[in-house]
Amino acid sequence: MQPFSCVYRGMSDVFAALADESRRALLDRLFVRNGQNLSELHAGMAMSRQAVAKHLHILETANLVSVHWQGREKLHYLNPVPLGDIVHRWVGKFEDARIAALTDFKQQIESAAGPSEISQPEEKRHVRQ
């Protein structure tokens, strides 16, 4: 078994949960106002209350939504950590390469320009006529 298989399995759950437009809409609603109960999340949705509850369960299983009980009321909260993990794992590696390429490009330009042109502020580089 791979050393990080549990992490990847969790990411698979997150990707599967995000694949549905209705679940993304629920996450958007929690982003706007966190801590909503089922009735509040169901209001304005074009599906039954039971369907909303099933979608919330899938989001909970993927750890995208956390639940806190306040008396008999079940409140749902957006958990951004799995999304951050995806950004770091899947988007971050591409950004790192871009940043490294830009840094290399800057160093090449600076070495080709010479030290006298680099040390002067931008305003002094332009010849005024």
C-alpha atoms as a PDB file:
ATOM      1  CA  MET A   1       0.000   0.000   0.000  1.00  0.00           C
ATOM      2  CA  GLN A   2       1.179   3.540  -0.706  1.00  0.00           C
ATOM      3  CA  PRO A   3       2.263   5.623   2.295  1.00  0.00           C
ATOM      4  CA  PHE A   4      -0.282   8.370   1.702  1.00  0.00           C
ATOM      5  CA  SER A   5      -3.171   6.256   0.429  1.00  0.00           C
ATOM      6  CA  CYS A   6      -5.510   7.494   3.172  1.00  0.00           C
ATOM      7  CA  VAL A   7      -4.819  11.093   2.119  1.00  0.00           C
ATOM      8  CA  TYR A   8      -5.558  10.296  -1.524  1.00  0.00           C
ATOM      9  CA  ARG A   9      -8.709   8.396  -0.600  1.00  0.00           C
ATOM     10  CA  GLY A  10      -9.856  11.451   1.342  1.00  0.00           C
ATOM     11  CA  MET A  11      -9.103  13.637  -1.661  1.00  0.00           C
ATOM     12  CA  SER A  12     -11.122  11.264  -3.840  1.00  0.00           C
ATOM     13  CA  ASP A  13     -14.066  11.742  -1.491  1.00  0.00           C
ATOM     14  CA  VAL A  14     -13.637  15.510  -1.758  1.00  0.00           C
ATOM     15  CA  PHE A  15     -13.471  15.430  -5.566  1.00  0.00           C
ATOM     16  CA  ALA A  16     -16.540  13.159  -5.678  1.00  0.00           C
ATOM     17  CA  ALA A  17     -18.436  15.491  -3.342  1.00  0.00           C
ATOM     18  CA  LEU A  18     -17.482  18.551  -5.384  1.00  0.00           C
ATOM     19  CA  ALA A  19     -18.556  16.875  -8.630  1.00  0.00           C
ATOM     20  CA  ASP A  20     -22.213  17.602  -7.935  1.00  0.00           C
ATOM     21  CA  GLU A  21     -23.572  21.086  -8.626  1.00  0.00           C
ATOM     22  CA  SER A  22     -26.107  20.887  -5.783  1.00  0.00           C
ATOM     23  CA  ARG A  23     -23.392  20.115  -3.239  1.00  0.00           C
ATOM     24  CA  ARG A  24     -21.288  22.996  -4.537  1.00  0.00           C
ATOM     25  CA  ALA A  25     -24.337  25.242  -4.128  1.00  0.00           C
ATOM     26  CA  LEU A  26     -24.686  24.100  -0.505  1.00  0.00           C
ATOM     27  CA  LEU A  27     -21.012  24.881   0.112  1.00  0.00           C
ATOM     28  CA  ASP A  28     -21.506  28.317  -1.447  1.00  0.00           C
ATOM     29  CA  ARG A  29     -24.440  28.956   0.869  1.00  0.00           C
ATOM     30  CA  LEU A  30     -22.353  27.932   3.886  1.00  0.00           C
ATOM     31  CA  PHE A  31     -19.548  30.181   2.700  1.00  0.00           C
ATOM     32  CA  VAL A  32     -21.939  33.151   2.659  1.00  0.00           C
ATOM     33  CA  ARG A  33     -23.427  32.289   6.053  1.00  0.00           C
ATOM     34  CA  ASN A  34     -21.863  29.559   8.142  1.00  0.00           C
ATOM     35  CA  GLY A  35     -23.745  27.642  10.837  1.00  0.00           C
ATOM     36  CA  GLN A  36     -27.052  26.933   9.101  1.00  0.00           C
ATOM     37  CA  ASN A  37     -29.456  24.156   9.980  1.00  0.00           C
ATOM     38  CA  LEU A  38     -31.133  21.845   7.463  1.00  0.00           C
ATOM     39  CA  SER A  39     -34.262  23.994   7.159  1.00  0.00           C
ATOM     40  CA  GLU A  40     -32.217  27.097   6.368  1.00  0.00           C
ATOM     41  CA  LEU A  41     -30.115  25.267   3.798  1.00  0.00           C
ATOM     42  CA  HIS A  42     -33.206  23.687   2.234  1.00  0.00           C
ATOM     43  CA  ALA A  43     -34.944  27.063   1.800  1.00  0.00           C
ATOM     44  CA  GLY A  44     -34.697  28.152  -1.820  1.00  0.00           C
ATOM     45  CA  MET A  45     -33.242  24.860  -3.057  1.00  0.00           C
ATOM     46  CA  ALA A  46     -35.051  23.115  -5.927  1.00  0.00           C
ATOM     47  CA  MET A  47     -35.015  19.708  -4.203  1.00  0.00           C
ATOM     48  CA  SER A  48     -36.659  17.930  -1.318  1.00  0.00           C
ATOM     49  CA  ARG A  49     -35.491  18.317   2.252  1.00  0.00           C
ATOM     50  CA  GLN A  50     -34.420  14.656   2.219  1.00  0.00           C
ATOM     51  CA  ALA A  51     -32.259  15.267  -0.877  1.00  0.00           C
ATOM     52  CA  VAL A  52     -30.574  18.212   0.839  1.00  0.00           C
ATOM     53  CA  ALA A  53     -29.942  16.010   3.885  1.00  0.00           C
ATOM     54  CA  LYS A  54     -28.367  13.306   1.680  1.00  0.00           C
ATOM     55  CA  HIS A  55     -26.129  15.875  -0.041  1.00  0.00           C
ATOM     56  CA  LEU A  56     -25.080  17.250   3.351  1.00  0.00           C
ATOM     57  CA  HIS A  57     -24.237  13.730   4.499  1.00  0.00           C
ATOM     58  CA  ILE A  58     -21.937  13.265   1.480  1.00  0.00           C
ATOM     59  CA  LEU A  59     -20.283  16.619   2.264  1.00  0.00           C
ATOM     60  CA  GLU A  60     -19.842  15.538   5.896  1.00  0.00           C
ATOM     61  CA  THR A  61     -18.308  12.220   4.813  1.00  0.00           C
ATOM     62  CA  ALA A  62     -15.841  14.135   2.619  1.00  0.00           C
ATOM     63  CA  ASN A  63     -15.075  16.365   5.628  1.00  0.00           C
ATOM     64  CA  LEU A  64     -16.151  19.468   3.699  1.00  0.00           C
ATOM     65  CA  VAL A  65     -18.882  20.192   6.233  1.00  0.00           C
ATOM     66  CA  SER A  66     -18.620  19.839   9.980  1.00  0.00           C
ATOM     67  CA  VAL A  67     -21.623  19.505  12.248  1.00  0.00           C
ATOM     68  CA  HIS A  68     -22.154  21.024  15.674  1.00  0.00           C
ATOM     69  CA  TRP A  69     -25.164  20.345  17.816  1.00  0.00           C
ATOM     70  CA  GLN A  70     -26.721  23.264  19.643  1.00  0.00           C
ATOM     71  CA  GLY A  71     -29.349  21.632  21.803  1.00  0.00           C
ATOM     72  CA  ARG A  72     -31.578  19.750  19.358  1.00  0.00           C
ATOM     73  CA  GLU A  73     -30.462  21.883  16.425  1.00  0.00           C
ATOM     74  CA  LYS A  74     -27.843  20.506  14.041  1.00  0.00           C
ATOM     75  CA  LEU A  75     -25.739  23.315  12.580  1.00  0.00           C
ATOM     76  CA  HIS A  76     -23.578  22.861   9.487  1.00  0.00           C
ATOM     77  CA  TYR A  77     -20.254  24.643   9.015  1.00  0.00           C
ATOM     78  CA  LEU A  78     -17.966  24.845   6.019  1.00  0.00           C
ATOM     79  CA  ASN A  79     -14.614  23.143   6.592  1.00  0.00           C
ATOM     80  CA  PRO A  80     -12.077  24.714   4.200  1.00  0.00           C
ATOM     81  CA  VAL A  81      -9.177  22.416   5.180  1.00  0.00           C
ATOM     82  CA  PRO A  82      -9.806  19.686   2.562  1.00  0.00           C
ATOM     83  CA  LEU A  83     -10.085  22.365  -0.127  1.00  0.00           C
ATOM     84  CA  GLY A  84      -6.786  23.841   1.032  1.00  0.00           C
ATOM     85  CA  ASP A  85      -5.224  20.380   0.852  1.00  0.00           C
ATOM     86  CA  ILE A  86      -6.388  20.035  -2.744  1.00  0.00           C
ATOM     87  CA  VAL A  87      -5.062  23.460  -3.657  1.00  0.00           C
ATOM     88  CA  HIS A  88      -1.724  22.652  -2.043  1.00  0.00           C
ATOM     89  CA  ARG A  89      -1.481  19.173  -3.592  1.00  0.00           C
ATOM     90  CA  TRP A  90      -2.861  19.775  -7.082  1.00  0.00           C
ATOM     91  CA  VAL A  91      -2.596  23.493  -7.778  1.00  0.00           C
ATOM     92  CA  GLY A  92       0.413  24.368  -5.633  1.00  0.00           C
ATOM     93  CA  LYS A  93       2.828  22.149  -7.504  1.00  0.00           C
ATOM     94  CA  PHE A  94       2.021  23.979 -10.735  1.00  0.00           C
ATOM     95  CA  GLU A  95       2.345  27.371  -9.061  1.00  0.00           C
ATOM     96  CA  ASP A  96       5.713  26.404  -7.573  1.00  0.00           C
ATOM     97  CA  ALA A  97       7.022  25.650 -11.066  1.00  0.00           C
ATOM     98  CA  ARG A  98       5.766  28.997 -12.377  1.00  0.00           C
ATOM     99  CA  ILE A  99       7.299  30.936  -9.513  1.00  0.00           C
ATOM    100  CA  ALA A 100      10.611  29.137 -10.014  1.00  0.00           C
ATOM    101  CA  ALA A 101      10.505  29.919 -13.742  1.00  0.00           C
ATOM    102  CA  LEU A 102       9.797  33.593 -13.064  1.00  0.00           C
ATOM    103  CA  THR A 103      12.631  33.747 -10.531  1.00  0.00           C
ATOM    104  CA  ASP A 104      15.021  32.160 -13.021  1.00  0.00           C
ATOM    105  CA  PHE A 105      13.856  34.575 -15.719  1.00  0.00           C
ATOM    106  CA  LYS A 106      14.392  37.562 -13.404  1.00  0.00           C
ATOM    107  CA  GLN A 107      17.903  36.372 -12.563  1.00  0.00           C
ATOM    108  CA  GLN A 108      18.720  35.936 -16.265  1.00  0.00           C
ATOM    109  CA  ILE A 109      17.475  39.447 -17.063  1.00  0.00           C
ATOM    110  CA  GLU A 110      19.397  40.939 -14.151  1.00  0.00           C
ATOM    111  CA  SER A 111      22.630  39.170 -15.086  1.00  0.00           C
ATOM    112  CA  ALA A 112      22.268  40.235 -18.741  1.00  0.00           C
ATOM    113  CA  ALA A 113      21.446  43.840 -17.804  1.00  0.00           C
ATOM    114  CA  GLY A 114      24.476  44.354 -15.612  1.00  0.00           C
ATOM    115  CA  PRO A 115      24.659  45.735 -12.071  1.00  0.00           C
ATOM    116  CA  SER A 116      24.566  49.444 -12.980  1.00  0.00           C
ATOM    117  CA  GLU A 117      21.142  49.229 -14.632  1.00  0.00           C
ATOM    118  CA  ILE A 118      19.601  47.116 -11.884  1.00  0.00           C
ATOM    119  CA  SER A 119      20.606  49.286  -8.943  1.00  0.00           C
ATOM    120  CA  GLN A 120      18.987  52.433 -10.335  1.00  0.00           C
ATOM    121  CA  PRO A 121      15.346  53.131  -9.525  1.00  0.00           C
ATOM    122  CA  GLU A 122      12.854  52.879 -12.384  1.00  0.00           C
ATOM    123  CA  GLU A 123      12.400  56.673 -12.641  1.00  0.00           C
ATOM    124  CA  LYS A 124      16.116  57.244 -13.253  1.00  0.00           C
ATOM    125  CA  ARG A 125      16.356  54.716 -16.068  1.00  0.00           C
ATOM    126  CA  HIS A 126      14.292  56.777 -18.442  1.00  0.00           C
ATOM    127  CA  VAL A 127      15.968  59.642 -20.288  1.00  0.00           C
ATOM    128  CA  ARG A 128      13.872  62.791 -20.048  1.00  0.00           C
ATOM    129  CA  GLN A 129      13.868  65.118 -23.026  1.00  0.00           C
END
